[in-house]
Every structure is written in C-alpha cells, then in structure tokens.
Amino acid sequence: MTILIICIVILSLFLYLGWHYHVADWGSFFINVIDGWIRLLARYYHRFIYEPIPVGTSGAKLLACNHLSGLDPFLMVAACQRPIRFMIAKEEYQRFGLQWLFRAARCIPVDRSGRVEKAFKKTLSALHNGEVVALFPEGGIHRRENAPERLKPGIVKLAKLSGIAITPMMLSGIKAEGYTVLAVLVPGKCRLRVYPEIHCSETNNEDCLHRLRLVLQQDNGRKK
C-alpha cells in the first residue's frame, strides 16, 4: 500500500510540474506535460541559453537549424512558444519505443531513399495551414568538426512554393555531438542563436542555399 501511495504521489508530481511549465499547446494533455518537462530539462539539466524563436502567436514559419545530435529537436521545442512539426528521417520516425511520440507530435517522416514527394506535400500543406515547420537541411546529424555537407535543396523549394521566409538558427554547446540518445543524457551548456530571415523569393535557389549554409555551418572546422 505504501509503494502504491508513493507511486501515485510521484506520478501526480510529474503531471503537475509538466503541465505547470508547458508553454506550447500541442492539443493533448500528455504531450503538453512532456512539453513542460522538455523545458525543465533543457533549462536546468542542459543549462540552455536561447533566443526565443520568433514565431508569433499564429501564421506559418519555416525553421532551419544545424543538426548536431538527437537533443536538437528538444532544444528547439524548449525555445518555441508554439508546437513545431519536424521533418525527420523515416528510420528515426520508426525507432522502437518512440514512434508513438513522433506520431503524437505530428512529425513528418521522410524517406531518404529518394521518395520524398509524400513528405514534401505534407510539409507544404502544413505551411499553408499556418503551422510551424522545422527542417535540418544537412540531412542528418553532422558534427561541426567535420567538413561541411552540401545542404538539401528541398527547403528552398518549400520556401518559394509557400512564400514563407526561412528562419535560420544555430545550436552549440552540446557535449555529445554526433550521438542520438547520449546527447540527451550528457549535460552540456547549450545555446540557440536565431538569425535574420532569408527570403528565397528574392534570389535564385543556389544563392539562397549558400546564404543558409553560411549560417548553419559557420562553426565548421573548414573555413568558408
């Protein structure tokens, strides 16, 4: 009986704290509780310093960020007042034990074998519906010490078709760069910097992609 009471108290405390500290409304009590815990862990465990992502209270936003680890999406969520729909690799979306969370957060799985049309249409539809969408244009986790990768051009196409500017941002201070789960477990002193919007409608695709690369990969070991 004592164990049951302790479990009830712990669960109640978990739910209360998560709900109390949640900011974004994901349309689900349980996901909102998770939102609150993401913010708590980011702030106190990963010592997260960030510039709030400027998404306003409504309207579509297209976010682009460098991709250092599996911690990245959680840090972006912690810095945003609205729910974010992430485009993620299909194999990550289907990861055992996490698919329920990705589905509840309405992530958009991308088949990186080359069949990206379905994911592209879903993403474009989300932007037309006024949602916040985030991409990692490097296409996968990429350590800053490595040579820069060519960015995936799909984000520029999305920006032009939707008429939405790209909001670039850069993460740093993650201890376990290059890892998925380990990066969540190892505390760091993480930081998110947000940069001015890039309006791709005003330039050609290559130039727009180049401007985005200068932000996302500015800390790579190779000089630009």
Protein backbone atom coordinates (compact mmCIF):
# COMPACT_ATOMS: atom_id res chain seq x y z
CA MET A 1 0.00 0.00 0.00
CA THR A 2 2.85 2.37 0.85
CA ILE A 3 4.51 1.71 -2.50
CA LEU A 4 1.24 2.45 -4.29
CA ILE A 5 0.86 5.77 -2.47
CA ILE A 6 4.45 6.73 -3.31
CA CYS A 7 3.88 5.89 -6.97
CA ILE A 8 0.69 7.98 -7.05
CA VAL A 9 2.48 10.93 -5.44
CA ILE A 10 5.39 10.70 -7.91
CA LEU A 11 3.05 10.43 -10.90
CA SER A 12 0.95 13.35 -9.67
CA LEU A 13 4.06 15.46 -9.19
CA PHE A 14 5.30 14.52 -12.66
CA LEU A 15 2.00 15.51 -14.25
CA TYR A 16 1.68 18.71 -12.22
CA LEU A 17 5.17 20.01 -12.96
CA GLY A 18 4.96 19.14 -16.65
CA TRP A 19 1.60 20.85 -17.02
CA HIS A 20 2.67 23.86 -14.97
CA TYR A 21 5.75 24.54 -17.08
CA HIS A 22 4.39 23.73 -20.52
CA VAL A 23 4.13 26.65 -22.93
CA ALA A 24 3.08 25.33 -26.33
CA ASP A 25 -0.37 23.78 -26.70
CA TRP A 26 0.03 20.50 -28.59
CA GLY A 27 -3.68 19.66 -28.32
CA SER A 28 -3.02 16.81 -25.88
CA PHE A 29 -2.73 16.88 -22.10
CA PHE A 30 0.03 14.28 -22.03
CA ILE A 31 2.08 15.88 -24.81
CA ASN A 32 1.71 19.23 -23.06
CA VAL A 33 3.11 17.60 -19.91
CA ILE A 34 6.07 16.36 -21.96
CA ASP A 35 6.49 19.90 -23.35
CA GLY A 36 6.83 21.18 -19.80
CA TRP A 37 9.43 18.57 -18.88
CA ILE A 38 11.42 19.28 -22.03
CA ARG A 39 11.64 22.91 -20.96
CA LEU A 40 12.64 21.99 -17.40
CA LEU A 41 15.36 19.58 -18.52
CA ALA A 42 16.66 21.99 -21.13
CA ARG A 43 16.90 24.84 -18.65
CA TYR A 44 18.25 23.08 -15.57
CA TYR A 45 19.99 19.97 -16.90
CA HIS A 46 21.44 21.26 -20.16
CA ARG A 47 21.79 24.88 -18.92
CA PHE A 48 20.09 26.03 -22.09
CA ILE A 49 20.55 29.66 -23.13
CA TYR A 50 18.46 30.70 -26.09
CA GLU A 51 16.92 33.45 -28.10
CA PRO A 52 13.17 32.72 -28.31
CA ILE A 53 12.26 31.53 -31.79
CA PRO A 54 10.19 34.38 -33.31
CA VAL A 55 7.07 32.52 -34.39
CA GLY A 56 4.39 34.91 -33.13
CA THR A 57 1.03 33.61 -31.99
CA SER A 58 -0.12 32.45 -35.42
CA GLY A 59 0.97 32.11 -39.03
CA ALA A 60 3.33 29.77 -40.85
CA LYS A 61 7.04 29.63 -40.05
CA LEU A 62 9.79 27.65 -41.74
CA LEU A 63 12.71 26.94 -39.42
CA ALA A 64 16.14 25.63 -40.41
CA CYS A 65 18.79 24.51 -37.94
CA ASN A 66 22.15 22.78 -37.91
CA HIS A 67 21.95 19.18 -36.69
CA LEU A 68 24.46 18.15 -34.04
CA SER A 69 22.65 15.42 -32.11
CA GLY A 70 19.41 13.80 -31.02
CA LEU A 71 18.97 16.56 -28.47
CA ASP A 72 18.45 19.24 -31.12
CA PRO A 73 14.65 18.94 -31.59
CA PHE A 74 14.05 19.07 -27.84
CA LEU A 75 16.09 22.26 -27.51
CA MET A 76 14.16 23.85 -30.37
CA VAL A 77 10.87 22.90 -28.70
CA ALA A 78 12.11 24.47 -25.46
CA ALA A 79 12.82 27.74 -27.28
CA CYS A 80 9.46 27.98 -29.05
CA GLN A 81 6.06 29.07 -27.76
CA ARG A 82 4.18 27.09 -30.41
CA PRO A 83 4.23 23.41 -31.42
CA ILE A 84 6.81 22.53 -34.07
CA ARG A 85 6.30 19.91 -36.76
CA PHE A 86 9.64 18.33 -37.55
CA MET A 87 10.60 16.63 -40.77
CA ILE A 88 12.60 13.57 -39.66
CA ALA A 89 14.12 10.56 -41.37
CA LYS A 90 11.72 7.65 -41.74
CA GLU A 91 14.09 5.29 -39.91
CA GLU A 92 14.16 7.67 -36.93
CA TYR A 93 10.38 8.04 -37.03
CA GLN A 94 10.07 4.25 -36.78
CA ARG A 95 12.55 3.93 -33.91
CA PHE A 96 11.31 1.37 -31.37
CA GLY A 97 9.60 2.94 -28.37
CA LEU A 98 9.49 6.45 -29.81
CA GLN A 99 7.12 6.17 -32.75
CA TRP A 100 4.13 7.00 -30.55
CA LEU A 101 5.79 10.26 -29.51
CA PHE A 102 6.72 11.26 -33.06
CA ARG A 103 3.20 10.49 -34.22
CA ALA A 104 1.63 12.45 -31.34
CA ALA A 105 3.89 15.41 -32.16
CA ARG A 106 2.79 15.11 -35.81
CA CYS A 107 6.33 14.75 -37.12
CA ILE A 108 6.62 14.23 -40.86
CA PRO A 109 8.68 11.15 -41.81
CA VAL A 110 10.94 11.48 -44.84
CA ASP A 111 12.04 8.51 -46.94
CA ARG A 112 15.66 9.39 -47.65
CA SER A 113 15.94 6.73 -50.33
CA GLY A 114 14.73 9.36 -52.75
CA ARG A 115 10.95 9.09 -52.49
CA VAL A 116 10.29 12.37 -50.71
CA GLU A 117 7.20 13.55 -52.58
CA LYS A 118 4.70 12.47 -49.90
CA ALA A 119 6.63 14.18 -47.09
CA PHE A 120 7.13 17.27 -49.23
CA LYS A 121 3.38 17.59 -49.89
CA LYS A 122 2.56 17.15 -46.18
CA THR A 123 5.08 19.80 -45.24
CA LEU A 124 3.82 22.26 -47.82
CA SER A 125 0.26 21.62 -46.62
CA ALA A 126 1.31 22.31 -43.02
CA LEU A 127 2.83 25.64 -44.06
CA HIS A 128 -0.29 26.58 -45.99
CA ASN A 129 -2.27 25.77 -42.82
CA GLY A 130 -0.22 28.28 -40.83
CA GLU A 131 1.88 25.79 -38.84
CA VAL A 132 5.49 25.97 -37.65
CA VAL A 133 7.69 23.50 -39.53
CA ALA A 134 11.35 22.72 -38.83
CA LEU A 135 13.96 21.08 -41.04
CA PHE A 136 17.57 20.04 -40.64
CA PRO A 137 18.89 20.83 -44.14
CA GLU A 138 22.15 18.97 -43.53
CA GLY A 139 20.07 15.81 -43.92
CA GLY A 140 21.40 14.09 -40.80
CA ILE A 141 23.49 14.57 -37.68
CA HIS A 142 26.66 16.44 -38.59
CA ARG A 143 29.49 17.23 -36.17
CA ARG A 144 30.92 20.72 -36.52
CA GLU A 145 34.49 19.41 -36.61
CA ASN A 146 33.76 17.63 -39.87
CA ALA A 147 33.87 19.18 -43.33
CA PRO A 148 30.61 20.92 -44.30
CA GLU A 149 27.95 18.87 -46.07
CA ARG A 150 26.01 20.21 -49.02
CA LEU A 151 22.61 21.31 -47.78
CA LYS A 152 19.50 19.60 -49.11
CA PRO A 153 17.80 21.94 -51.60
CA GLY A 154 14.24 20.96 -50.64
CA ILE A 155 13.96 23.71 -48.04
CA VAL A 156 14.47 26.39 -50.68
CA LYS A 157 11.76 24.84 -52.83
CA LEU A 158 9.41 24.79 -49.83
CA ALA A 159 10.19 28.44 -49.09
CA LYS A 160 9.45 29.53 -52.64
CA LEU A 161 6.27 27.49 -53.10
CA SER A 162 4.85 28.55 -49.73
CA GLY A 163 6.07 32.15 -49.89
CA ILE A 164 7.48 31.76 -46.37
CA ALA A 165 10.92 33.07 -45.45
CA ILE A 166 13.42 30.70 -43.83
CA THR A 167 14.31 31.43 -40.21
CA PRO A 168 17.84 30.05 -39.69
CA MET A 169 19.24 29.15 -36.29
CA MET A 170 22.32 27.51 -34.89
CA LEU A 171 22.83 25.21 -31.90
CA SER A 172 26.08 24.88 -29.97
CA GLY A 173 27.37 23.69 -26.59
CA ILE A 174 26.06 20.12 -26.90
CA LYS A 175 28.54 17.77 -25.22
CA ALA A 176 27.81 14.53 -27.07
CA GLU A 177 27.82 15.82 -30.64
CA GLY A 178 27.19 13.10 -33.20
CA TYR A 179 25.05 10.94 -30.90
CA THR A 180 21.31 10.49 -30.64
CA VAL A 181 20.42 9.22 -27.15
CA LEU A 182 23.73 10.00 -25.43
CA ALA A 183 23.38 13.70 -26.26
CA VAL A 184 20.12 13.80 -24.30
CA LEU A 185 21.73 12.14 -21.27
CA VAL A 186 25.03 14.05 -21.11
CA PRO A 187 24.55 17.58 -19.71
CA GLY A 188 26.12 20.46 -21.58
CA LYS A 189 25.82 24.21 -21.76
CA CYS A 190 23.64 24.51 -24.82
CA ARG A 191 22.85 27.62 -26.77
CA LEU A 192 20.50 28.51 -29.61
CA ARG A 193 21.06 31.61 -31.73
CA VAL A 194 18.42 32.86 -34.15
CA TYR A 195 19.43 34.79 -37.29
CA PRO A 196 17.54 37.14 -39.64
CA GLU A 197 15.11 35.60 -42.08
CA ILE A 198 16.24 34.58 -45.54
CA HIS A 199 13.75 35.47 -48.27
CA CYS A 200 14.32 32.97 -51.05
CA SER A 201 11.74 34.57 -53.35
CA GLU A 202 14.18 37.42 -53.84
CA THR A 203 17.05 35.29 -55.14
CA ASN A 204 17.88 32.11 -57.06
CA ASN A 205 17.99 28.70 -55.40
CA GLU A 206 21.76 28.34 -55.22
CA ASP A 207 22.30 31.77 -53.71
CA CYS A 208 19.57 31.19 -51.14
CA LEU A 209 21.09 27.85 -50.17
CA HIS A 210 24.53 29.43 -49.93
CA ARG A 211 23.25 32.14 -47.58
CA LEU A 212 21.65 29.48 -45.41
CA ARG A 213 24.86 27.43 -45.33
CA LEU A 214 26.86 30.43 -44.13
CA VAL A 215 24.69 30.47 -41.01
CA LEU A 216 24.20 26.77 -40.32
CA GLN A 217 27.81 25.75 -40.90
CA GLN A 218 29.69 28.82 -39.74
CA ASP A 219 31.44 26.93 -36.94
CA ASN A 220 32.67 24.01 -39.04
CA GLY A 221 36.39 23.32 -38.99
CA ARG A 222 36.75 24.24 -42.65
CA LYS A 223 36.69 27.95 -43.39
CA LYS A 224 34.02 29.15 -45.76
